[in-house]
Amino acid sequence: MPSNLGAVRRFWVETLGCPKNRVDSDKITGLLVRDGMAAARAPEEADLVVVNTCAFIEEARQESVDTVLALRSTAVEAELVVTGCMAERYGAELAEALPEADRVAGFGVPVSIGAVPDSAGPLHGPRGQGKGLPRFDLLNLPRPAAEAPWAYVKIAEGCDRRCGYCAIPSFRGAQRSRSAESIVAEAEGLGVREVVLVAQDLASYGRDQGRGERGIIPLVESLRRRVDWVRLLYLYPSDLTDPLVDAICATGVAYFDLSLQHVSRPLLARMRRWGDGERFASRIADIRRRRPEAVFRSNFIVGYPGETEADHDALLEFVAEVGLDWCGFFTYSPEEGTYATTLECQVAPELAAERRRELAEVQDGITAAKRDQLIGREVLVLVDSPGVARSYREAPEIDGIISVPPHLAVGQFHTVRVTDALGPDLIAGAVSV
């Protein structure tokens, strides 16, 4: 039950979607704490429940709505605020369709009374329809120290690309990079051993400030002097230059998360994206020649309008031959207002799902084989929690884990020997010193 009148008000923040949303939630949490509130142990004990939603695809939107409804039934007396991508994208429409929410607050709109930022902005919902509330810069808000030995750090907001399937620029806006000084200061204040940089278009960091590649590389170099590991997520393939590859490898985390999406040149053109399978494979092979220990991850869209059997076969061949360490596959989701919805030759959902299953089966075998190859090897790991660790090969919350003896200190690096593999995960024992 919510706290009594006069007691400290308690909050619960539920986060859905990508790591970028996780950073936003951390900053909301910091704002609520500074507003005099305290974190609740469970949503039913909260006076304020905040749901940070995702609107990337239909599946994510449905999960967001289901989460709001579930929390409403759990936290019956709490004030329920919906924020995040769905709130920004749909605003008053969402407030009308979701009366279970007390308020719908877009980016930069405070979720608690008492947050006092700078300029006015809209608030949707029964308690605030038609009113204005002060706005603040969520991207540059300070945040609490991390509870884990790693943390996501968002270095920019928005995106200047116009991929055919993506609605993000329509509600996140154009790219807006943070200052390098603010990013470094945030990383230092988190008290972590690993920083994971995230943005909609990571390698373009600083381009909106006129710095181009001179933005991301100096930032990475500055951060690696302050934390043990620096990991980069979401790299557009055309921006993966030799100097950037060198800067990434120098961090001790030779991990390349490449946003490829497909390999068929005609289909990528329909996606309004650069490249093809031959260029991607050549670049990956070149990095492997220079850095044999490099690890690769990517994601691919299956069933994009116009995808033929030949396109699908080309993707299957690429996945089988290139052998990415980690890979995700997503069926195409029509997003209102995007170029893709105007295209003919929509792929039947059943066919797209079948293609996705076929690709996932191939990739599962590749990932398992690569994990098997590590059996018997010694690896350096960072222990995230008792008995759970990762090497540079595994991004937190995304890839597999390494099970280690529970006595190994959390937040410390240890050398372990891999003894077994279970699908994407590994089992390892401590190496005696």
Protein backbone atom coordinates (compact mmCIF):
# COMPACT_ATOMS: atom_id res chain seq x y z
CA MET A 1 0.00 0.00 0.00
CA PRO A 2 1.23 3.58 -0.64
CA SER A 3 2.77 5.44 2.26
CA ASN A 4 0.60 7.46 4.63
CA LEU A 5 0.16 11.21 4.52
CA GLY A 6 3.24 12.95 5.89
CA ALA A 7 5.55 10.00 5.26
CA VAL A 8 8.22 9.99 2.57
CA ARG A 9 6.58 9.39 -0.80
CA ARG A 10 7.85 6.30 -2.58
CA PHE A 11 8.24 5.60 -6.30
CA TRP A 12 8.66 2.67 -8.64
CA VAL A 13 10.10 3.02 -12.18
CA GLU A 14 9.41 0.26 -14.71
CA THR A 15 11.61 0.35 -17.82
CA LEU A 16 10.83 -1.21 -21.18
CA GLY A 17 12.75 -1.25 -24.44
CA CYS A 18 16.36 -0.52 -25.25
CA PRO A 19 19.38 0.46 -23.13
CA LYS A 20 18.79 4.10 -24.02
CA ASN A 21 15.52 3.92 -22.11
CA ARG A 22 17.40 2.41 -19.18
CA VAL A 23 19.57 5.55 -19.03
CA ASP A 24 16.48 7.77 -19.15
CA SER A 25 14.99 5.83 -16.24
CA ASP A 26 18.16 6.27 -14.20
CA LYS A 27 17.91 10.01 -14.72
CA ILE A 28 14.22 10.04 -13.80
CA THR A 29 15.13 8.09 -10.65
CA GLY A 30 17.79 10.65 -9.78
CA LEU A 31 15.28 13.46 -10.26
CA LEU A 32 12.70 11.77 -8.02
CA VAL A 33 15.25 11.18 -5.27
CA ARG A 34 16.34 14.82 -5.41
CA ASP A 35 12.63 15.67 -5.25
CA GLY A 36 12.53 14.09 -1.79
CA MET A 37 11.12 10.70 -2.75
CA ALA A 38 12.52 7.23 -2.01
CA ALA A 39 12.50 4.04 -4.05
CA ALA A 40 9.83 1.50 -3.16
CA ARG A 41 10.62 -2.19 -2.70
CA ALA A 42 7.74 -3.17 -4.98
CA PRO A 43 5.19 -1.34 -7.14
CA GLU A 44 2.34 -2.06 -4.73
CA GLU A 45 4.22 -0.10 -2.04
CA ALA A 46 4.68 2.97 -4.24
CA ASP A 47 2.84 6.28 -4.19
CA LEU A 48 4.08 7.00 -7.71
CA VAL A 49 4.59 4.41 -10.47
CA VAL A 50 6.38 5.51 -13.65
CA VAL A 51 6.34 3.35 -16.77
CA ASN A 52 9.06 4.24 -19.27
CA THR A 53 7.59 2.84 -22.48
CA CYS A 54 8.99 1.66 -25.81
CA ALA A 55 7.36 2.41 -29.16
CA PHE A 56 9.89 0.92 -31.59
CA ILE A 57 7.67 -1.82 -33.02
CA GLU A 58 4.12 -3.07 -32.46
CA GLU A 59 5.28 -5.89 -30.17
CA ALA A 60 7.05 -3.38 -27.92
CA ARG A 61 4.03 -1.07 -27.85
CA GLN A 62 1.75 -3.95 -26.84
CA GLU A 63 4.18 -4.93 -24.08
CA SER A 64 4.14 -1.35 -22.84
CA VAL A 65 0.33 -1.24 -22.70
CA ASP A 66 0.17 -4.66 -21.01
CA THR A 67 2.70 -3.48 -18.42
CA VAL A 68 0.69 -0.35 -17.64
CA LEU A 69 -2.47 -2.41 -17.17
CA ALA A 70 -0.68 -4.95 -14.96
CA LEU A 71 0.83 -2.23 -12.78
CA ARG A 72 -2.53 -0.50 -12.49
CA SER A 73 -4.03 -3.68 -11.06
CA THR A 74 -1.05 -4.16 -8.73
CA ALA A 75 -0.50 -0.58 -7.56
CA VAL A 76 -4.17 0.27 -7.21
CA GLU A 77 -3.79 3.50 -5.20
CA ALA A 78 -0.57 4.82 -6.73
CA GLU A 79 -0.39 7.69 -9.16
CA LEU A 80 0.49 6.02 -12.47
CA VAL A 81 2.51 8.05 -15.00
CA VAL A 82 3.32 6.84 -18.51
CA THR A 83 6.41 8.37 -20.08
CA GLY A 84 9.01 7.42 -22.71
CA CYS A 85 8.64 6.82 -26.42
CA MET A 86 4.93 5.96 -26.51
CA ALA A 87 4.08 9.04 -24.47
CA GLU A 88 6.10 11.28 -26.78
CA ARG A 89 4.88 9.69 -29.99
CA TYR A 90 1.16 9.43 -29.21
CA GLY A 91 0.58 12.00 -26.45
CA ALA A 92 -3.09 12.89 -25.95
CA GLU A 93 -4.17 9.95 -28.14
CA LEU A 94 -2.50 7.56 -25.71
CA ALA A 95 -3.99 9.34 -22.69
CA GLU A 96 -7.47 8.93 -24.14
CA ALA A 97 -6.92 5.28 -25.05
CA LEU A 98 -5.36 4.42 -21.69
CA PRO A 99 -7.55 5.88 -18.92
CA GLU A 100 -5.78 3.60 -16.42
CA ALA A 101 -2.89 6.09 -16.50
CA ASP A 102 -3.22 9.21 -14.38
CA ARG A 103 -0.82 11.14 -16.59
CA VAL A 104 1.02 10.76 -19.91
CA ALA A 105 4.23 12.78 -19.87
CA GLY A 106 6.54 13.05 -22.89
CA PHE A 107 10.30 13.61 -22.86
CA GLY A 108 11.40 16.42 -20.61
CA VAL A 109 8.11 16.64 -18.73
CA PRO A 110 8.50 16.05 -14.98
CA VAL A 111 6.81 12.93 -13.67
CA SER A 112 6.43 14.24 -10.12
CA ILE A 113 5.05 17.47 -8.78
CA GLY A 114 7.98 19.31 -7.29
CA ALA A 115 10.43 18.82 -10.16
CA VAL A 116 11.12 22.40 -11.17
CA PRO A 117 12.83 22.67 -14.55
CA ASP A 118 13.04 25.50 -17.11
CA SER A 119 10.43 25.97 -19.82
CA ALA A 120 6.86 24.99 -20.55
CA GLY A 121 5.69 21.81 -22.21
CA PRO A 122 2.50 19.76 -22.57
CA LEU A 123 1.07 17.25 -20.14
CA HIS A 124 -1.62 14.85 -21.25
CA GLY A 125 -4.13 13.05 -19.08
CA PRO A 126 -7.11 13.56 -16.81
CA ARG A 127 -5.14 15.63 -14.31
CA GLY A 128 -3.40 17.84 -16.80
CA GLN A 129 -5.14 17.97 -20.14
CA GLY A 130 -4.43 21.29 -21.81
CA LYS A 131 -2.03 22.47 -19.12
CA GLY A 132 1.64 23.32 -19.42
CA LEU A 133 4.39 22.00 -17.20
CA PRO A 134 8.03 23.04 -16.87
CA ARG A 135 10.40 21.09 -19.10
CA PHE A 136 13.94 19.92 -18.46
CA ASP A 137 16.81 18.44 -20.44
CA LEU A 138 16.54 14.71 -19.72
CA LEU A 139 19.65 13.93 -21.78
CA ASN A 140 21.91 16.03 -19.56
CA LEU A 141 20.33 15.40 -16.18
CA PRO A 142 22.70 13.93 -13.57
CA ARG A 143 22.05 10.37 -12.42
CA PRO A 144 22.75 8.23 -9.35
CA ALA A 145 25.84 6.06 -8.97
CA ALA A 146 25.41 2.67 -10.63
CA GLU A 147 24.41 -0.37 -8.58
CA ALA A 148 26.21 -2.74 -10.97
CA PRO A 149 29.91 -2.59 -11.93
CA TRP A 150 28.89 -1.46 -15.42
CA ALA A 151 26.52 1.20 -16.78
CA TYR A 152 25.03 2.44 -20.03
CA VAL A 153 25.92 6.04 -20.88
CA LYS A 154 23.84 7.82 -23.51
CA ILE A 155 26.05 10.20 -25.50
CA ALA A 156 23.47 11.64 -27.92
CA GLU A 157 19.74 11.80 -28.53
CA GLY A 158 17.83 11.56 -31.80
CA CYS A 159 18.98 10.57 -35.27
CA ASP A 160 19.66 12.32 -38.57
CA ARG A 161 19.24 9.19 -40.70
CA ARG A 162 15.93 8.38 -42.35
CA CYS A 163 15.85 4.59 -42.58
CA GLY A 164 12.70 3.46 -44.32
CA TYR A 165 11.33 1.37 -41.46
CA CYS A 166 12.17 3.59 -38.47
CA ALA A 167 9.92 6.16 -36.81
CA ILE A 168 12.40 7.16 -34.10
CA PRO A 169 13.46 10.49 -35.69
CA SER A 170 9.80 11.55 -35.78
CA PHE A 171 9.57 11.61 -31.98
CA ARG A 172 13.19 11.61 -30.78
CA GLY A 173 14.14 14.38 -33.21
CA ALA A 174 17.40 15.18 -34.96
CA GLN A 175 20.70 14.11 -33.45
CA ARG A 176 21.78 16.14 -30.45
CA SER A 177 25.18 15.24 -29.03
CA ARG A 178 26.17 15.88 -25.46
CA SER A 179 29.41 17.64 -24.61
CA ALA A 180 32.36 15.32 -24.10
CA GLU A 181 32.96 16.93 -20.70
CA SER A 182 29.46 16.05 -19.46
CA ILE A 183 29.79 12.45 -20.67
CA VAL A 184 33.17 11.96 -19.00
CA ALA A 185 31.89 13.52 -15.79
CA GLU A 186 28.87 11.21 -15.77
CA ALA A 187 31.05 8.15 -16.40
CA GLU A 188 33.36 9.10 -13.54
CA GLY A 189 30.44 9.68 -11.18
CA LEU A 190 28.88 6.28 -11.84
CA GLY A 191 31.71 4.43 -10.11
CA VAL A 192 31.82 1.55 -12.60
CA ARG A 193 34.49 -0.64 -14.17
CA GLU A 194 32.79 -0.73 -17.58
CA VAL A 195 30.99 1.99 -19.52
CA VAL A 196 28.68 0.98 -22.39
CA LEU A 197 28.13 3.87 -24.79
CA VAL A 198 24.72 4.04 -26.47
CA ALA A 199 22.94 6.37 -28.92
CA GLN A 200 20.68 6.01 -31.93
CA ASP A 201 23.71 6.55 -34.20
CA LEU A 202 26.79 6.19 -32.03
CA ALA A 203 29.58 6.77 -34.55
CA SER A 204 27.94 10.05 -35.61
CA TYR A 205 28.51 11.50 -32.16
CA GLY A 206 29.68 15.10 -32.46
CA ARG A 207 28.76 15.42 -36.14
CA ASP A 208 25.93 17.80 -35.29
CA GLN A 209 28.53 19.92 -33.51
CA GLY A 210 30.76 19.98 -36.58
CA ARG A 211 33.29 17.47 -35.27
CA GLY A 212 32.56 14.37 -37.39
CA GLU A 213 34.87 11.47 -36.59
CA ARG A 214 36.83 13.84 -34.37
CA GLY A 215 33.94 13.49 -31.94
CA ILE A 216 33.63 9.78 -31.13
CA ILE A 217 37.31 8.80 -31.22
CA PRO A 218 38.60 11.41 -28.71
CA LEU A 219 35.64 10.59 -26.48
CA VAL A 220 36.48 6.87 -26.48
CA GLU A 221 40.15 7.63 -25.83
CA SER A 222 39.26 9.92 -22.94
CA LEU A 223 36.95 7.36 -21.34
CA ARG A 224 39.41 4.48 -21.59
CA ARG A 225 41.81 6.45 -19.44
CA ARG A 226 39.16 6.55 -16.71
CA VAL A 227 37.45 3.15 -16.77
CA ASP A 228 38.74 -0.37 -17.40
CA TRP A 229 36.42 -1.27 -20.26
CA VAL A 230 34.62 0.90 -22.82
CA ARG A 231 32.04 -0.82 -25.02
CA LEU A 232 30.24 0.75 -28.02
CA LEU A 233 26.77 -0.34 -29.13
CA TYR A 234 25.01 0.44 -32.43
CA LEU A 235 27.64 1.30 -35.05
CA TYR A 236 26.49 2.19 -38.56
CA PRO A 237 28.72 0.11 -40.90
CA SER A 238 29.79 2.94 -43.23
CA ASP A 239 31.21 4.83 -40.23
CA LEU A 240 33.43 1.99 -39.02
CA THR A 241 36.73 3.51 -40.15
CA ASP A 242 40.22 2.15 -39.43
CA PRO A 243 40.92 4.84 -36.79
CA LEU A 244 37.65 4.02 -35.03
CA VAL A 245 38.46 0.29 -35.13
CA ASP A 246 41.84 1.03 -33.55
CA ALA A 247 40.23 3.21 -30.87
CA ILE A 248 37.72 0.47 -30.01
CA CYS A 249 40.37 -2.24 -29.78
CA ALA A 250 42.56 -0.03 -27.59
CA THR A 251 39.82 -0.05 -24.93
CA GLY A 252 40.40 -3.76 -24.29
CA VAL A 253 36.91 -4.51 -25.61
CA ALA A 254 37.29 -5.64 -29.24
CA TYR A 255 33.51 -5.90 -29.57
CA PHE A 256 31.76 -4.59 -32.67
CA ASP A 257 27.99 -4.15 -32.61
CA LEU A 258 27.17 -3.37 -36.24
CA SER A 259 23.77 -2.16 -37.40
CA LEU A 260 23.56 -4.12 -40.69
CA GLN A 261 19.78 -4.90 -40.98
CA HIS A 262 20.16 -6.94 -44.20
CA VAL A 263 22.71 -7.88 -46.86
CA SER A 264 20.73 -7.64 -50.12
CA ARG A 265 21.78 -4.46 -51.90
CA PRO A 266 18.36 -3.85 -53.55
CA LEU A 267 16.57 -4.43 -50.27
CA LEU A 268 18.95 -2.20 -48.33
CA ALA A 269 18.28 0.50 -50.92
CA ARG A 270 14.55 0.09 -50.22
CA MET A 271 15.41 0.43 -46.54
CA ARG A 272 17.25 3.67 -47.42
CA ARG A 273 20.44 2.24 -45.99
CA TRP A 274 24.03 1.87 -47.16
CA GLY A 275 25.95 -1.26 -48.07
CA ASP A 276 25.57 -4.90 -49.04
CA GLY A 277 26.71 -8.31 -47.85
CA GLU A 278 29.95 -8.26 -49.81
CA ARG A 279 31.06 -4.96 -48.22
CA PHE A 280 30.00 -6.08 -44.76
CA ALA A 281 31.80 -9.42 -45.04
CA SER A 282 34.95 -7.75 -46.35
CA ARG A 283 35.02 -5.25 -43.49
CA ILE A 284 34.48 -7.94 -40.86
CA ALA A 285 37.21 -10.11 -42.41
CA ASP A 286 39.60 -7.16 -42.43
CA ILE A 287 39.02 -6.49 -38.73
CA ARG A 288 39.49 -10.17 -37.95
CA ARG A 289 42.81 -10.18 -39.78
CA ARG A 290 43.96 -7.26 -37.69
CA ARG A 291 42.29 -8.41 -34.47
CA PRO A 292 41.65 -12.18 -34.47
CA GLU A 293 40.05 -11.90 -31.03
CA ALA A 294 37.38 -9.44 -32.25
CA VAL A 295 33.74 -10.27 -31.49
CA PHE A 296 30.83 -9.24 -33.71
CA ARG A 297 27.12 -8.72 -33.10
CA SER A 298 24.39 -7.52 -35.44
CA ASN A 299 20.63 -7.43 -35.96
CA PHE A 300 18.64 -8.10 -39.11
CA ILE A 301 15.11 -7.28 -40.21
CA VAL A 302 13.19 -10.15 -41.79
CA GLY A 303 10.18 -9.66 -44.04
CA TYR A 304 10.79 -6.04 -45.06
CA PRO A 305 8.49 -5.03 -47.98
CA GLY A 306 9.86 -6.47 -51.20
CA GLU A 307 12.08 -9.09 -49.55
CA THR A 308 12.27 -11.98 -52.04
CA GLU A 309 13.36 -15.58 -51.55
CA ALA A 310 16.64 -14.61 -53.21
CA ASP A 311 17.12 -11.81 -50.66
CA HIS A 312 16.38 -14.23 -47.83
CA ASP A 313 18.76 -16.83 -49.23
CA ALA A 314 21.49 -14.19 -49.47
CA LEU A 315 20.98 -13.33 -45.79
CA LEU A 316 21.03 -17.01 -44.83
CA GLU A 317 24.28 -17.48 -46.74
CA PHE A 318 25.83 -14.41 -45.12
CA VAL A 319 24.89 -15.54 -41.62
CA ALA A 320 26.22 -19.04 -42.22
CA GLU A 321 29.50 -17.98 -43.86
CA VAL A 322 30.47 -14.86 -41.90
CA GLY A 323 29.81 -16.42 -38.52
CA LEU A 324 28.87 -13.51 -36.29
CA ASP A 325 29.29 -14.30 -32.61
CA TRP A 326 25.89 -12.88 -31.67
CA CYS A 327 22.91 -12.05 -33.83
CA GLY A 328 19.29 -10.99 -33.43
CA PHE A 329 16.46 -11.23 -35.97
CA PHE A 330 13.29 -9.14 -35.98
CA THR A 331 10.26 -9.44 -38.22
CA TYR A 332 9.37 -6.18 -39.96
CA SER A 333 6.80 -4.05 -38.16
CA PRO A 334 4.91 -1.38 -40.17
CA GLU A 335 5.36 1.97 -38.43
CA GLU A 336 2.94 4.79 -39.12
CA GLY A 337 4.47 7.63 -41.11
CA THR A 338 7.50 5.70 -42.33
CA TYR A 339 8.56 5.27 -45.96
CA ALA A 340 8.25 1.48 -45.75
CA THR A 341 4.49 1.62 -45.30
CA THR A 342 4.18 3.16 -48.78
CA LEU A 343 5.99 0.28 -50.47
CA GLU A 344 4.29 -2.49 -52.39
CA CYS A 345 5.05 -6.21 -52.05
CA GLN A 346 4.40 -6.49 -48.33
CA VAL A 347 5.60 -9.87 -47.02
CA ALA A 348 3.01 -12.06 -45.33
CA PRO A 349 3.57 -12.18 -41.54
CA GLU A 350 3.53 -16.00 -41.61
CA LEU A 351 6.29 -16.07 -44.22
CA ALA A 352 8.35 -13.50 -42.34
CA ALA A 353 8.04 -15.54 -39.13
CA GLU A 354 9.14 -18.68 -40.98
CA ARG A 355 12.19 -16.88 -42.38
CA ARG A 356 13.04 -15.57 -38.93
CA ARG A 357 12.90 -19.07 -37.43
CA GLU A 358 15.16 -20.40 -40.17
CA LEU A 359 17.76 -17.70 -39.59
CA ALA A 360 17.63 -18.07 -35.81
CA GLU A 361 18.22 -21.80 -36.09
CA VAL A 362 21.36 -21.23 -38.17
CA GLN A 363 22.66 -18.54 -35.83
CA ASP A 364 21.96 -20.57 -32.67
CA GLY A 365 24.26 -23.27 -34.01
CA ILE A 366 27.00 -20.73 -34.82
CA THR A 367 26.80 -19.08 -31.40
CA ALA A 368 26.88 -22.45 -29.63
CA ALA A 369 29.89 -23.59 -31.68
CA LYS A 370 31.78 -20.40 -30.88
CA ARG A 371 31.06 -20.85 -27.18
CA ASP A 372 32.23 -24.47 -27.34
CA GLN A 373 35.56 -23.27 -28.74
CA LEU A 374 36.21 -21.41 -25.48
CA ILE A 375 36.12 -24.55 -23.34
CA GLY A 376 39.50 -25.06 -21.69
CA ARG A 377 40.61 -21.47 -22.22
CA GLU A 378 41.43 -18.91 -19.56
CA VAL A 379 39.52 -15.65 -19.84
CA LEU A 380 39.45 -12.39 -17.92
CA VAL A 381 35.98 -11.64 -16.56
CA LEU A 382 34.20 -8.85 -14.73
CA VAL A 383 31.88 -10.20 -12.03
CA ASP A 384 28.51 -8.44 -12.30
CA SER A 385 26.77 -10.20 -9.39
CA PRO A 386 27.47 -13.25 -7.22
CA GLY A 387 28.19 -16.15 -9.56
CA VAL A 388 27.57 -14.14 -12.77
CA ALA A 389 30.34 -12.65 -14.90
CA ARG A 390 31.21 -11.57 -18.43
CA SER A 391 34.31 -11.29 -20.56
CA TYR A 392 34.76 -8.60 -23.22
CA ARG A 393 32.89 -10.96 -25.55
CA GLU A 394 29.55 -10.45 -23.82
CA ALA A 395 27.63 -7.19 -23.67
CA PRO A 396 25.60 -6.85 -20.46
CA GLU A 397 21.91 -7.81 -20.65
CA ILE A 398 22.25 -8.65 -24.35
CA ASP A 399 24.58 -11.61 -24.83
CA GLY A 400 25.30 -14.74 -22.81
CA ILE A 401 26.86 -14.87 -19.35
CA ILE A 402 29.65 -16.80 -17.68
CA SER A 403 28.74 -18.65 -14.48
CA VAL A 404 31.61 -18.41 -12.01
CA PRO A 405 32.17 -19.49 -8.37
CA PRO A 406 29.98 -17.31 -6.11
CA HIS A 407 32.90 -16.35 -3.86
CA LEU A 408 34.55 -14.26 -6.61
CA ALA A 409 34.25 -10.60 -5.63
CA VAL A 410 31.58 -8.58 -7.42
CA GLY A 411 32.89 -5.56 -9.32
CA GLN A 412 36.35 -7.07 -9.67
CA PHE A 413 38.21 -8.68 -12.56
CA HIS A 414 39.20 -12.33 -12.24
CA THR A 415 40.89 -14.87 -14.48
CA VAL A 416 38.80 -18.02 -14.88
CA ARG A 417 39.02 -21.20 -16.93
CA VAL A 418 36.00 -22.17 -19.04
CA THR A 419 34.89 -25.73 -18.25
CA ASP A 420 31.62 -26.08 -20.14
CA ALA A 421 29.17 -24.34 -22.47
CA LEU A 422 25.40 -24.35 -22.32
CA GLY A 423 24.08 -22.73 -25.49
CA PRO A 424 24.97 -19.03 -25.27
CA ASP A 425 26.30 -19.32 -21.70
CA LEU A 426 29.58 -20.59 -20.26
CA ILE A 427 30.60 -22.21 -16.99
CA ALA A 428 34.02 -21.40 -15.56
CA GLY A 429 36.12 -22.04 -12.50
CA ALA A 430 38.58 -19.75 -10.78
CA VAL A 431 42.25 -20.06 -11.74
CA SER A 432 44.51 -20.56 -8.74
CA VAL A 433 47.18 -17.89 -8.33
